[in-house]
Amino acid sequence: MEHFSIKTVVTCVLAATLLQACTLTVSTERPVVSEQAWSHRPTDDSGLAKVHFVDALADSHEVSVSKLPMVVHLDGKPIDAAAFIEQHLAKELQARKAGVTFTSDTKDQFILHDLEIISHRVSSFSPMVTLSMAQANLTVSGQSRRLVSFVKRAKVPVWSMDEINEPAYNEPLELVIKELAAKVNQNYHNRSLPDAEVEDLIEKIRAFNSGDGSIYLTMYELAFSNNKLAKPFMVEMTSHPAEYIRLAAISGLGILRAEDQFDHLVNLYQNSDIWQDRAMALKAIGDLGTEKSNAFLLKQRDRWQNVTSNEGIWNSRILSLYLDDSGN
């Protein structure tokens, strides 16, 4: 899978005689769309579904959220969240042959409520951790469905801050677009990758070289395949020693709506050794969208709402993506 390149310019601003904090400007380029289309059609769904894109972002909305002074740029200026999602989601849906297009001539709506990147770094010797997320409501024939994307990445810069750009900002933004596209597809024609292409992706992951840090993107491709053939392999990969393969597999069970894996996801959430595994299991439980999973999320919201640790704050943020009243 291709992904777009990214570069960073670090600018130190001097005001009078005082040395102020350095501002990190992350300058993104436009993402490359997927090469594999959802060509399998379970029903006669040749009609083109039309959706009205609605910008419901708050006036005060900021894409970049960080204690560090940093901004995310596109084309030399702060990223326009609504334009970014609308343009690139439309291109991804077209490339995937989802049979869905944005237009104002319809009652169905894709209502964007959030696009956010939380950046967190403890010291110059620690990784830059990013939590990239989006939230939207999709209204189809009068029924509203919550669409959420959440991606965790981290990288320790060794020689320069440029080293964090691709893994910590570029790739997550691309995955956010592709996850939203996969979920829009599920709510319309529900197309999928053919079995043979899914099997090829599985074999590619099994054969990967441990030095290939981008192989986790192939695991996400399995999640976006919308093909249940990927599910047993994905369950297996939730215990993989490579962190980002494991996180992609956990997230993927939610994206595939693997309702029969609810107990497995709860076990991962309750018993995994590290926060990111627990957080991704929480996200996957939210994606299941069942009465049982929603009840579980409500209990976890009560558990975390007054906890001020990073885990408490970040878990509460994940839960808010599914449980707040945006658009309701």
C-alpha atoms as a PDB file:
ATOM      1  CA  MET A   1       0.000   0.000   0.000  1.00  0.00           C
ATOM      2  CA  GLU A   2       1.344   3.396  -0.928  1.00  0.00           C
ATOM      3  CA  HIS A   3       1.195   6.316   1.414  1.00  0.00           C
ATOM      4  CA  PHE A   4       1.922   9.989   1.064  1.00  0.00           C
ATOM      5  CA  SER A   5       5.213  11.630   2.042  1.00  0.00           C
ATOM      6  CA  ILE A   6       5.611  14.230   4.749  1.00  0.00           C
ATOM      7  CA  LYS A   7       8.234  16.690   5.962  1.00  0.00           C
ATOM      8  CA  THR A   8       8.704  18.881   8.982  1.00  0.00           C
ATOM      9  CA  VAL A   9      10.098  22.334   9.521  1.00  0.00           C
ATOM     10  CA  VAL A  10      11.029  23.349  13.040  1.00  0.00           C
ATOM     11  CA  THR A  11      10.949  27.097  13.601  1.00  0.00           C
ATOM     12  CA  CYS A  12      12.209  28.800  16.724  1.00  0.00           C
ATOM     13  CA  VAL A  13      10.523  32.131  17.322  1.00  0.00           C
ATOM     14  CA  LEU A  14      12.312  34.899  19.174  1.00  0.00           C
ATOM     15  CA  ALA A  15      10.216  37.616  20.736  1.00  0.00           C
ATOM     16  CA  ALA A  16      12.253  40.647  21.814  1.00  0.00           C
ATOM     17  CA  THR A  17      15.005  39.308  24.081  1.00  0.00           C
ATOM     18  CA  LEU A  18      13.121  36.212  25.212  1.00  0.00           C
ATOM     19  CA  LEU A  19      13.691  32.819  23.613  1.00  0.00           C
ATOM     20  CA  GLN A  20      10.296  31.270  23.194  1.00  0.00           C
ATOM     21  CA  ALA A  21       9.479  27.596  22.691  1.00  0.00           C
ATOM     22  CA  CYS A  22      10.167  26.014  19.306  1.00  0.00           C
ATOM     23  CA  THR A  23       7.111  25.497  17.140  1.00  0.00           C
ATOM     24  CA  LEU A  24       6.967  22.194  15.308  1.00  0.00           C
ATOM     25  CA  THR A  25       5.163  22.510  11.981  1.00  0.00           C
ATOM     26  CA  VAL A  26       4.136  19.222  10.410  1.00  0.00           C
ATOM     27  CA  SER A  27       3.572  19.806   6.680  1.00  0.00           C
ATOM     28  CA  THR A  28       1.510  17.082   5.056  1.00  0.00           C
ATOM     29  CA  GLU A  29       0.994  16.224   1.422  1.00  0.00           C
ATOM     30  CA  ARG A  30      -2.157  14.781  -0.067  1.00  0.00           C
ATOM     31  CA  PRO A  31      -2.687  11.055   0.564  1.00  0.00           C
ATOM     32  CA  VAL A  32      -2.521   8.410  -2.117  1.00  0.00           C
ATOM     33  CA  VAL A  33      -5.680   6.329  -2.474  1.00  0.00           C
ATOM     34  CA  SER A  34      -5.872   2.549  -2.158  1.00  0.00           C
ATOM     35  CA  GLU A  35      -4.964   0.352  -5.116  1.00  0.00           C
ATOM     36  CA  GLN A  36      -7.338  -2.523  -4.291  1.00  0.00           C
ATOM     37  CA  ALA A  37     -11.047  -2.071  -4.965  1.00  0.00           C
ATOM     38  CA  TRP A  38     -13.979  -3.679  -3.202  1.00  0.00           C
ATOM     39  CA  SER A  39     -14.975  -5.686  -6.244  1.00  0.00           C
ATOM     40  CA  HIS A  40     -17.098  -8.392  -4.605  1.00  0.00           C
ATOM     41  CA  ARG A  41     -20.788  -7.431  -4.612  1.00  0.00           C
ATOM     42  CA  PRO A  42     -23.005  -9.547  -2.331  1.00  0.00           C
ATOM     43  CA  THR A  43     -26.209  -8.161  -3.876  1.00  0.00           C
ATOM     44  CA  ASP A  44     -27.355  -6.346  -6.997  1.00  0.00           C
ATOM     45  CA  ASP A  45     -26.148  -2.940  -5.857  1.00  0.00           C
ATOM     46  CA  SER A  46     -25.183  -1.208  -9.073  1.00  0.00           C
ATOM     47  CA  GLY A  47     -26.902   2.037  -8.089  1.00  0.00           C
ATOM     48  CA  LEU A  48     -24.804   4.982  -6.937  1.00  0.00           C
ATOM     49  CA  ALA A  49     -25.484   5.963  -3.328  1.00  0.00           C
ATOM     50  CA  LYS A  50     -25.522   9.707  -2.695  1.00  0.00           C
ATOM     51  CA  VAL A  51     -24.454  11.331   0.581  1.00  0.00           C
ATOM     52  CA  HIS A  52     -24.398  14.984   1.611  1.00  0.00           C
ATOM     53  CA  PHE A  53     -21.158  15.919   3.419  1.00  0.00           C
ATOM     54  CA  VAL A  54     -21.879  18.241   6.366  1.00  0.00           C
ATOM     55  CA  ASP A  55     -19.213  20.186   8.265  1.00  0.00           C
ATOM     56  CA  ALA A  56     -20.360  20.193  11.911  1.00  0.00           C
ATOM     57  CA  LEU A  57     -16.992  21.056  13.446  1.00  0.00           C
ATOM     58  CA  ALA A  58     -17.061  23.574  16.264  1.00  0.00           C
ATOM     59  CA  ASP A  59     -15.863  27.094  15.430  1.00  0.00           C
ATOM     60  CA  SER A  60     -13.019  26.625  17.913  1.00  0.00           C
ATOM     61  CA  HIS A  61     -11.953  23.262  16.459  1.00  0.00           C
ATOM     62  CA  GLU A  62      -8.211  22.560  16.164  1.00  0.00           C
ATOM     63  CA  VAL A  63      -6.727  19.523  14.455  1.00  0.00           C
ATOM     64  CA  SER A  64      -3.523  19.548  16.521  1.00  0.00           C
ATOM     65  CA  VAL A  65      -3.894  19.075  20.291  1.00  0.00           C
ATOM     66  CA  SER A  66      -0.649  19.156  22.259  1.00  0.00           C
ATOM     67  CA  LYS A  67       1.104  20.708  25.208  1.00  0.00           C
ATOM     68  CA  LEU A  68       3.900  21.359  22.723  1.00  0.00           C
ATOM     69  CA  PRO A  69       3.553  24.339  20.361  1.00  0.00           C
ATOM     70  CA  MET A  70       2.875  22.543  17.088  1.00  0.00           C
ATOM     71  CA  VAL A  71       0.622  22.842  14.055  1.00  0.00           C
ATOM     72  CA  VAL A  72      -0.333  20.544  11.174  1.00  0.00           C
ATOM     73  CA  HIS A  73      -0.113  22.176   7.732  1.00  0.00           C
ATOM     74  CA  LEU A  74      -1.408  21.268   4.286  1.00  0.00           C
ATOM     75  CA  ASP A  75      -0.363  23.357   1.269  1.00  0.00           C
ATOM     76  CA  GLY A  76       1.493  25.761   3.517  1.00  0.00           C
ATOM     77  CA  LYS A  77      -1.337  26.625   5.907  1.00  0.00           C
ATOM     78  CA  PRO A  78      -3.110  24.986   8.873  1.00  0.00           C
ATOM     79  CA  ILE A  79      -5.044  21.944   7.707  1.00  0.00           C
ATOM     80  CA  ASP A  80      -8.739  22.492   6.993  1.00  0.00           C
ATOM     81  CA  ALA A  81     -10.194  19.420   8.699  1.00  0.00           C
ATOM     82  CA  ALA A  82     -13.539  19.366   6.860  1.00  0.00           C
ATOM     83  CA  ALA A  83     -12.008  19.928   3.419  1.00  0.00           C
ATOM     84  CA  PHE A  84      -9.334  17.315   4.095  1.00  0.00           C
ATOM     85  CA  ILE A  85     -11.857  14.644   5.113  1.00  0.00           C
ATOM     86  CA  GLU A  86     -14.378  15.453   2.368  1.00  0.00           C
ATOM     87  CA  GLN A  87     -11.892  15.547  -0.508  1.00  0.00           C
ATOM     88  CA  HIS A  88      -9.820  12.522   0.423  1.00  0.00           C
ATOM     89  CA  LEU A  89     -12.701  10.391   1.644  1.00  0.00           C
ATOM     90  CA  ALA A  90     -14.456  10.999  -1.689  1.00  0.00           C
ATOM     91  CA  LYS A  91     -11.310   9.976  -3.579  1.00  0.00           C
ATOM     92  CA  GLU A  92     -10.857   6.855  -1.463  1.00  0.00           C
ATOM     93  CA  LEU A  93     -14.478   5.777  -1.981  1.00  0.00           C
ATOM     94  CA  GLN A  94     -14.076   6.268  -5.728  1.00  0.00           C
ATOM     95  CA  ALA A  95     -10.795   4.336  -5.861  1.00  0.00           C
ATOM     96  CA  ARG A  96     -12.343   1.489  -3.870  1.00  0.00           C
ATOM     97  CA  LYS A  97     -15.369   1.385  -6.220  1.00  0.00           C
ATOM     98  CA  ALA A  98     -17.660   1.705  -3.215  1.00  0.00           C
ATOM     99  CA  GLY A  99     -20.535   3.076  -5.254  1.00  0.00           C
ATOM    100  CA  VAL A 100     -20.870   6.085  -2.923  1.00  0.00           C
ATOM    101  CA  THR A 101     -20.445   9.751  -3.834  1.00  0.00           C
ATOM    102  CA  PHE A 102     -20.822  13.095  -2.048  1.00  0.00           C
ATOM    103  CA  THR A 103     -23.526  15.451  -3.315  1.00  0.00           C
ATOM    104  CA  SER A 104     -25.968  17.932  -1.813  1.00  0.00           C
ATOM    105  CA  ASP A 105     -28.915  16.399  -3.683  1.00  0.00           C
ATOM    106  CA  THR A 106     -29.849  13.774  -1.066  1.00  0.00           C
ATOM    107  CA  LYS A 107     -31.279  13.376   2.434  1.00  0.00           C
ATOM    108  CA  ASP A 108     -28.498  11.004   3.542  1.00  0.00           C
ATOM    109  CA  GLN A 109     -25.736  12.815   5.413  1.00  0.00           C
ATOM    110  CA  PHE A 110     -22.138  12.293   6.468  1.00  0.00           C
ATOM    111  CA  ILE A 111     -21.818  14.724   9.393  1.00  0.00           C
ATOM    112  CA  LEU A 112     -18.223  15.378  10.463  1.00  0.00           C
ATOM    113  CA  HIS A 113     -17.831  16.193  14.157  1.00  0.00           C
ATOM    114  CA  ASP A 114     -14.106  15.783  14.759  1.00  0.00           C
ATOM    115  CA  LEU A 115     -10.653  15.279  13.276  1.00  0.00           C
ATOM    116  CA  GLU A 116      -7.945  15.467  15.898  1.00  0.00           C
ATOM    117  CA  ILE A 117      -4.320  14.528  16.464  1.00  0.00           C
ATOM    118  CA  ILE A 118      -3.152  14.417  20.078  1.00  0.00           C
ATOM    119  CA  SER A 119       0.645  14.660  20.317  1.00  0.00           C
ATOM    120  CA  HIS A 120       2.377  13.686  23.553  1.00  0.00           C
ATOM    121  CA  ARG A 121       6.055  13.582  24.466  1.00  0.00           C
ATOM    122  CA  VAL A 122       7.590  13.396  27.921  1.00  0.00           C
ATOM    123  CA  SER A 123      11.187  14.342  27.074  1.00  0.00           C
ATOM    124  CA  SER A 124      13.685  14.527  24.216  1.00  0.00           C
ATOM    125  CA  PHE A 125      14.635  10.914  24.953  1.00  0.00           C
ATOM    126  CA  SER A 126      11.087   9.551  24.795  1.00  0.00           C
ATOM    127  CA  PRO A 127       8.894   8.767  21.787  1.00  0.00           C
ATOM    128  CA  MET A 128       6.498  11.205  20.213  1.00  0.00           C
ATOM    129  CA  VAL A 129       3.137   9.518  20.756  1.00  0.00           C
ATOM    130  CA  THR A 130       0.248  10.481  18.512  1.00  0.00           C
ATOM    131  CA  LEU A 131      -3.410   9.568  18.832  1.00  0.00           C
ATOM    132  CA  SER A 132      -5.178  10.354  15.551  1.00  0.00           C
ATOM    133  CA  MET A 133      -8.962  10.194  15.501  1.00  0.00           C
ATOM    134  CA  ALA A 134     -12.088  11.172  13.634  1.00  0.00           C
ATOM    135  CA  GLN A 135     -15.789  11.070  14.472  1.00  0.00           C
ATOM    136  CA  ALA A 136     -18.799  11.378  12.190  1.00  0.00           C
ATOM    137  CA  ASN A 137     -22.481  10.481  12.076  1.00  0.00           C
ATOM    138  CA  LEU A 138     -23.723   8.785   8.920  1.00  0.00           C
ATOM    139  CA  THR A 139     -27.463   9.124   8.346  1.00  0.00           C
ATOM    140  CA  VAL A 140     -28.827   6.515   5.921  1.00  0.00           C
ATOM    141  CA  SER A 141     -32.580   6.430   5.192  1.00  0.00           C
ATOM    142  CA  GLY A 142     -33.234   8.292   8.435  1.00  0.00           C
ATOM    143  CA  GLN A 143     -31.107   5.979  10.602  1.00  0.00           C
ATOM    144  CA  SER A 144     -27.991   7.465  12.229  1.00  0.00           C
ATOM    145  CA  ARG A 145     -24.809   5.421  12.666  1.00  0.00           C
ATOM    146  CA  ARG A 146     -21.652   6.551  14.476  1.00  0.00           C
ATOM    147  CA  LEU A 147     -18.399   6.257  12.493  1.00  0.00           C
ATOM    148  CA  VAL A 148     -15.137   6.456  14.424  1.00  0.00           C
ATOM    149  CA  SER A 149     -11.483   6.061  13.546  1.00  0.00           C
ATOM    150  CA  PHE A 150      -8.634   5.904  16.078  1.00  0.00           C
ATOM    151  CA  VAL A 151      -4.956   5.177  15.386  1.00  0.00           C
ATOM    152  CA  LYS A 152      -2.084   5.141  17.893  1.00  0.00           C
ATOM    153  CA  ARG A 153       1.529   5.556  16.734  1.00  0.00           C
ATOM    154  CA  ALA A 154       4.840   6.527  18.300  1.00  0.00           C
ATOM    155  CA  LYS A 155       8.433   7.116  17.225  1.00  0.00           C
ATOM    156  CA  VAL A 156      11.644   8.191  18.944  1.00  0.00           C
ATOM    157  CA  PRO A 157      13.564  10.629  16.719  1.00  0.00           C
ATOM    158  CA  VAL A 158      17.244   9.688  16.642  1.00  0.00           C
ATOM    159  CA  TRP A 159      18.870  12.210  14.325  1.00  0.00           C
ATOM    160  CA  SER A 160      16.139  14.756  13.614  1.00  0.00           C
ATOM    161  CA  MET A 161      12.465  15.452  14.222  1.00  0.00           C
ATOM    162  CA  ASP A 162      11.769  14.589  10.572  1.00  0.00           C
ATOM    163  CA  GLU A 163      11.915  10.923  11.574  1.00  0.00           C
ATOM    164  CA  ILE A 164       8.574  11.132  13.408  1.00  0.00           C
ATOM    165  CA  ASN A 165       6.618  12.468  10.455  1.00  0.00           C
ATOM    166  CA  GLU A 166       5.866   9.381   8.403  1.00  0.00           C
ATOM    167  CA  PRO A 167       4.979   6.980  11.239  1.00  0.00           C
ATOM    168  CA  ALA A 168       3.416   9.432  13.681  1.00  0.00           C
ATOM    169  CA  TYR A 169       1.455  11.803  11.417  1.00  0.00           C
ATOM    170  CA  ASN A 170       1.453  10.754   7.782  1.00  0.00           C
ATOM    171  CA  GLU A 171       0.413   7.115   8.086  1.00  0.00           C
ATOM    172  CA  PRO A 172      -2.246   7.685  10.785  1.00  0.00           C
ATOM    173  CA  LEU A 173      -3.995  10.395   8.752  1.00  0.00           C
ATOM    174  CA  GLU A 174      -4.112   8.060   5.777  1.00  0.00           C
ATOM    175  CA  LEU A 175      -5.503   5.257   7.932  1.00  0.00           C
ATOM    176  CA  VAL A 176      -8.186   7.560   9.346  1.00  0.00           C
ATOM    177  CA  ILE A 177      -9.445   8.274   5.813  1.00  0.00           C
ATOM    178  CA  LYS A 178      -9.378   4.600   4.839  1.00  0.00           C
ATOM    179  CA  GLU A 179     -11.155   3.434   7.977  1.00  0.00           C
ATOM    180  CA  LEU A 180     -13.931   5.968   7.454  1.00  0.00           C
ATOM    181  CA  ALA A 181     -14.266   4.818   3.839  1.00  0.00           C
ATOM    182  CA  ALA A 182     -14.503   1.177   4.938  1.00  0.00           C
ATOM    183  CA  LYS A 183     -17.275   2.032   7.381  1.00  0.00           C
ATOM    184  CA  VAL A 184     -19.213   4.099   4.840  1.00  0.00           C
ATOM    185  CA  ASN A 185     -18.993   1.116   2.491  1.00  0.00           C
ATOM    186  CA  GLN A 186     -20.388  -1.215   5.171  1.00  0.00           C
ATOM    187  CA  ASN A 187     -23.414   1.016   5.593  1.00  0.00           C
ATOM    188  CA  TYR A 188     -24.249   1.108   1.893  1.00  0.00           C
ATOM    189  CA  HIS A 189     -23.369  -1.607  -0.633  1.00  0.00           C
ATOM    190  CA  ASN A 190     -21.188  -3.596   1.819  1.00  0.00           C
ATOM    191  CA  ARG A 191     -18.693  -4.557  -0.864  1.00  0.00           C
ATOM    192  CA  SER A 192     -15.485  -6.435  -0.048  1.00  0.00           C
ATOM    193  CA  LEU A 193     -12.162  -7.613  -1.403  1.00  0.00           C
ATOM    194  CA  PRO A 194     -12.339 -11.013  -3.135  1.00  0.00           C
ATOM    195  CA  ASP A 195     -11.181 -14.046  -1.133  1.00  0.00           C
ATOM    196  CA  ALA A 196      -8.068 -14.500  -3.277  1.00  0.00           C
ATOM    197  CA  GLU A 197      -6.867 -10.953  -2.523  1.00  0.00           C
ATOM    198  CA  VAL A 198      -7.491 -11.449   1.195  1.00  0.00           C
ATOM    199  CA  GLU A 199      -5.481 -14.686   1.120  1.00  0.00           C
ATOM    200  CA  ASP A 200      -2.645 -12.852  -0.629  1.00  0.00           C
ATOM    201  CA  LEU A 201      -2.596 -10.202   2.109  1.00  0.00           C
ATOM    202  CA  ILE A 202      -2.482 -12.902   4.798  1.00  0.00           C
ATOM    203  CA  GLU A 203       0.434 -14.620   3.101  1.00  0.00           C
ATOM    204  CA  LYS A 204       2.274 -11.309   2.778  1.00  0.00           C
ATOM    205  CA  ILE A 205       1.971 -10.728   6.512  1.00  0.00           C
ATOM    206  CA  ARG A 206       3.042 -14.283   7.389  1.00  0.00           C
ATOM    207  CA  ALA A 207       6.147 -13.910   5.234  1.00  0.00           C
ATOM    208  CA  PHE A 208       7.142 -10.446   6.438  1.00  0.00           C
ATOM    209  CA  ASN A 209      10.675  -9.592   7.421  1.00  0.00           C
ATOM    210  CA  SER A 210      10.978  -8.328  10.990  1.00  0.00           C
ATOM    211  CA  GLY A 211      12.755  -5.254   9.639  1.00  0.00           C
ATOM    212  CA  ASP A 212       9.731  -4.203   7.588  1.00  0.00           C
ATOM    213  CA  GLY A 213       8.137  -1.641   9.873  1.00  0.00           C
ATOM    214  CA  SER A 214       5.363  -0.847   7.413  1.00  0.00           C
ATOM    215  CA  ILE A 215       3.875  -4.358   7.331  1.00  0.00           C
ATOM    216  CA  TYR A 216       1.276  -3.294   9.911  1.00  0.00           C
ATOM    217  CA  LEU A 217      -0.343  -1.296   7.095  1.00  0.00           C
ATOM    218  CA  THR A 218      -1.073  -4.601   5.359  1.00  0.00           C
ATOM    219  CA  MET A 219      -2.861  -5.763   8.501  1.00  0.00           C
ATOM    220  CA  TYR A 220      -5.021  -2.658   8.287  1.00  0.00           C
ATOM    221  CA  GLU A 221      -5.717  -3.539   4.636  1.00  0.00           C
ATOM    222  CA  LEU A 222      -7.152  -6.830   5.887  1.00  0.00           C
ATOM    223  CA  ALA A 223      -9.374  -4.901   8.282  1.00  0.00           C
ATOM    224  CA  PHE A 224     -10.551  -2.627   5.475  1.00  0.00           C
ATOM    225  CA  SER A 225     -11.210  -5.626   3.192  1.00  0.00           C
ATOM    226  CA  ASN A 226     -14.686  -6.094   4.703  1.00  0.00           C
ATOM    227  CA  ASN A 227     -14.188  -9.825   4.171  1.00  0.00           C
ATOM    228  CA  LYS A 228     -14.870 -12.152   7.121  1.00  0.00           C
ATOM    229  CA  LEU A 229     -12.266 -14.568   5.737  1.00  0.00           C
ATOM    230  CA  ALA A 230      -9.685 -12.318   7.406  1.00  0.00           C
ATOM    231  CA  LYS A 231     -11.161 -12.746  10.904  1.00  0.00           C
ATOM    232  CA  PRO A 232      -9.474 -15.986  12.139  1.00  0.00           C
ATOM    233  CA  PHE A 233      -6.063 -14.715  11.076  1.00  0.00           C
ATOM    234  CA  MET A 234      -6.754 -11.368  12.707  1.00  0.00           C
ATOM    235  CA  VAL A 235      -7.650 -13.073  15.994  1.00  0.00           C
ATOM    236  CA  GLU A 236      -4.348 -14.955  15.809  1.00  0.00           C
ATOM    237  CA  MET A 237      -2.425 -11.716  15.220  1.00  0.00           C
ATOM    238  CA  THR A 238      -3.850 -10.020  18.337  1.00  0.00           C
ATOM    239  CA  SER A 239      -1.054 -11.776  20.257  1.00  0.00           C
ATOM    240  CA  HIS A 240       1.723 -11.002  17.747  1.00  0.00           C
ATOM    241  CA  PRO A 241       4.965  -9.720  19.358  1.00  0.00           C
ATOM    242  CA  ALA A 242       5.213  -6.748  16.943  1.00  0.00           C
ATOM    243  CA  GLU A 243       3.238  -3.921  18.553  1.00  0.00           C
ATOM    244  CA  TYR A 244       1.717  -2.299  15.480  1.00  0.00           C
ATOM    245  CA  ILE A 245       0.748  -5.559  13.813  1.00  0.00           C
ATOM    246  CA  ARG A 246      -0.962  -6.469  17.082  1.00  0.00           C
ATOM    247  CA  LEU A 247      -2.732  -3.103  17.380  1.00  0.00           C
ATOM    248  CA  ALA A 248      -3.908  -3.242  13.765  1.00  0.00           C
ATOM    249  CA  ALA A 249      -5.294  -6.740  14.343  1.00  0.00           C
ATOM    250  CA  ILE A 250      -7.148  -5.698  17.510  1.00  0.00           C
ATOM    251  CA  SER A 251      -8.586  -2.651  15.771  1.00  0.00           C
ATOM    252  CA  GLY A 252      -9.422  -4.770  12.749  1.00  0.00           C
ATOM    253  CA  LEU A 253     -11.745  -7.042  14.699  1.00  0.00           C
ATOM    254  CA  GLY A 254     -13.871  -4.025  15.462  1.00  0.00           C
ATOM    255  CA  ILE A 255     -13.732  -2.711  11.896  1.00  0.00           C
ATOM    256  CA  LEU A 256     -14.886  -6.132  10.634  1.00  0.00           C
ATOM    257  CA  ARG A 257     -17.714  -6.080  13.209  1.00  0.00           C
ATOM    258  CA  ALA A 258     -16.556  -9.400  14.670  1.00  0.00           C
ATOM    259  CA  GLU A 259     -19.361  -9.598  17.231  1.00  0.00           C
ATOM    260  CA  ASP A 260     -18.420 -13.159  18.192  1.00  0.00           C
ATOM    261  CA  GLN A 261     -15.068 -11.804  19.447  1.00  0.00           C
ATOM    262  CA  PHE A 262     -16.596  -9.557  22.109  1.00  0.00           C
ATOM    263  CA  ASP A 263     -15.304 -11.728  24.982  1.00  0.00           C
ATOM    264  CA  HIS A 264     -11.841 -11.891  23.405  1.00  0.00           C
ATOM    265  CA  LEU A 265     -11.726  -8.097  23.093  1.00  0.00           C
ATOM    266  CA  VAL A 266     -12.897  -7.640  26.680  1.00  0.00           C
ATOM    267  CA  ASN A 267     -10.145 -10.010  27.813  1.00  0.00           C
ATOM    268  CA  LEU A 268      -7.553  -7.967  25.887  1.00  0.00           C
ATOM    269  CA  TYR A 269      -8.893  -4.751  27.389  1.00  0.00           C
ATOM    270  CA  GLN A 270      -8.841  -6.080  30.932  1.00  0.00           C
ATOM    271  CA  ASN A 271      -5.643  -8.142  30.892  1.00  0.00           C
ATOM    272  CA  SER A 272      -3.175  -6.753  28.341  1.00  0.00           C
ATOM    273  CA  ASP A 273       0.117  -5.563  29.785  1.00  0.00           C
ATOM    274  CA  ILE A 274       0.340  -2.204  27.991  1.00  0.00           C
ATOM    275  CA  TRP A 275      -2.072   0.690  27.610  1.00  0.00           C
ATOM    276  CA  GLN A 276      -2.123   0.780  23.829  1.00  0.00           C
ATOM    277  CA  ASP A 277      -3.385  -2.813  23.615  1.00  0.00           C
ATOM    278  CA  ARG A 278      -6.077  -2.088  26.168  1.00  0.00           C
ATOM    279  CA  ALA A 279      -7.038   1.149  24.403  1.00  0.00           C
ATOM    280  CA  MET A 280      -7.294  -0.467  20.993  1.00  0.00           C
ATOM    281  CA  ALA A 281      -9.455  -3.244  22.436  1.00  0.00           C
ATOM    282  CA  LEU A 282     -11.726  -0.566  23.900  1.00  0.00           C
ATOM    283  CA  LYS A 283     -11.935   1.063  20.475  1.00  0.00           C
ATOM    284  CA  ALA A 284     -12.720  -2.270  18.807  1.00  0.00           C
ATOM    285  CA  ILE A 285     -15.494  -2.965  21.328  1.00  0.00           C
ATOM    286  CA  GLY A 286     -16.982   0.414  20.424  1.00  0.00           C
ATOM    287  CA  ASP A 287     -16.901  -0.487  16.728  1.00  0.00           C
ATOM    288  CA  LEU A 288     -19.015  -3.611  17.317  1.00  0.00           C
ATOM    289  CA  GLY A 289     -22.013  -1.352  17.877  1.00  0.00           C
ATOM    290  CA  THR A 290     -24.166  -3.930  19.681  1.00  0.00           C
ATOM    291  CA  GLU A 291     -26.300  -3.431  22.782  1.00  0.00           C
ATOM    292  CA  LYS A 292     -23.823  -5.510  24.767  1.00  0.00           C
ATOM    293  CA  SER A 293     -20.792  -3.523  23.580  1.00  0.00           C
ATOM    294  CA  ASN A 294     -22.523  -0.174  24.157  1.00  0.00           C
ATOM    295  CA  ALA A 295     -23.458  -1.200  27.704  1.00  0.00           C
ATOM    296  CA  PHE A 296     -19.829  -2.154  28.323  1.00  0.00           C
ATOM    297  CA  LEU A 297     -18.635   1.264  27.096  1.00  0.00           C
ATOM    298  CA  LEU A 298     -21.045   3.058  29.425  1.00  0.00           C
ATOM    299  CA  LYS A 299     -19.621   1.186  32.419  1.00  0.00           C
ATOM    300  CA  GLN A 300     -16.089   2.089  31.356  1.00  0.00           C
ATOM    301  CA  ARG A 301     -17.029   5.754  31.022  1.00  0.00           C
ATOM    302  CA  ASP A 302     -18.129   5.742  34.656  1.00  0.00           C
ATOM    303  CA  ARG A 303     -14.881   4.020  35.597  1.00  0.00           C
ATOM    304  CA  TRP A 304     -12.542   6.506  33.883  1.00  0.00           C
ATOM    305  CA  GLN A 305     -14.336   9.843  34.042  1.00  0.00           C
ATOM    306  CA  ASN A 306     -12.518  11.111  37.161  1.00  0.00           C
ATOM    307  CA  VAL A 307      -9.139   9.448  36.537  1.00  0.00           C
ATOM    308  CA  THR A 308      -6.458  12.026  35.687  1.00  0.00           C
ATOM    309  CA  SER A 309      -3.648   9.719  34.558  1.00  0.00           C
ATOM    310  CA  ASN A 310      -2.799   9.638  30.834  1.00  0.00           C
ATOM    311  CA  GLU A 311      -4.606   6.314  30.559  1.00  0.00           C
ATOM    312  CA  GLY A 312      -7.683   7.746  32.209  1.00  0.00           C
ATOM    313  CA  ILE A 313      -7.693  10.876  30.051  1.00  0.00           C
ATOM    314  CA  TRP A 314      -7.043   9.016  26.808  1.00  0.00           C
ATOM    315  CA  ASN A 315      -9.537   6.229  27.527  1.00  0.00           C
ATOM    316  CA  SER A 316     -12.159   8.851  28.289  1.00  0.00           C
ATOM    317  CA  ARG A 317     -11.372  10.493  24.954  1.00  0.00           C
ATOM    318  CA  ILE A 318     -11.841   7.185  23.096  1.00  0.00           C
ATOM    319  CA  LEU A 319     -15.109   6.573  24.913  1.00  0.00           C
ATOM    320  CA  SER A 320     -16.348  10.061  24.032  1.00  0.00           C
ATOM    321  CA  LEU A 321     -15.976   9.256  20.330  1.00  0.00           C
ATOM    322  CA  TYR A 322     -18.670   6.602  20.721  1.00  0.00           C
ATOM    323  CA  LEU A 323     -20.807   7.910  23.569  1.00  0.00           C
ATOM    324  CA  ASP A 324     -21.127  11.671  23.255  1.00  0.00           C
ATOM    325  CA  ASP A 325     -24.328  13.127  21.814  1.00  0.00           C
ATOM    326  CA  SER A 326     -22.914  14.594  18.581  1.00  0.00           C
ATOM    327  CA  GLY A 327     -25.677  14.796  16.050  1.00  0.00           C
ATOM    328  CA  ASN A 328     -28.267  13.166  18.295  1.00  0.00           C
END
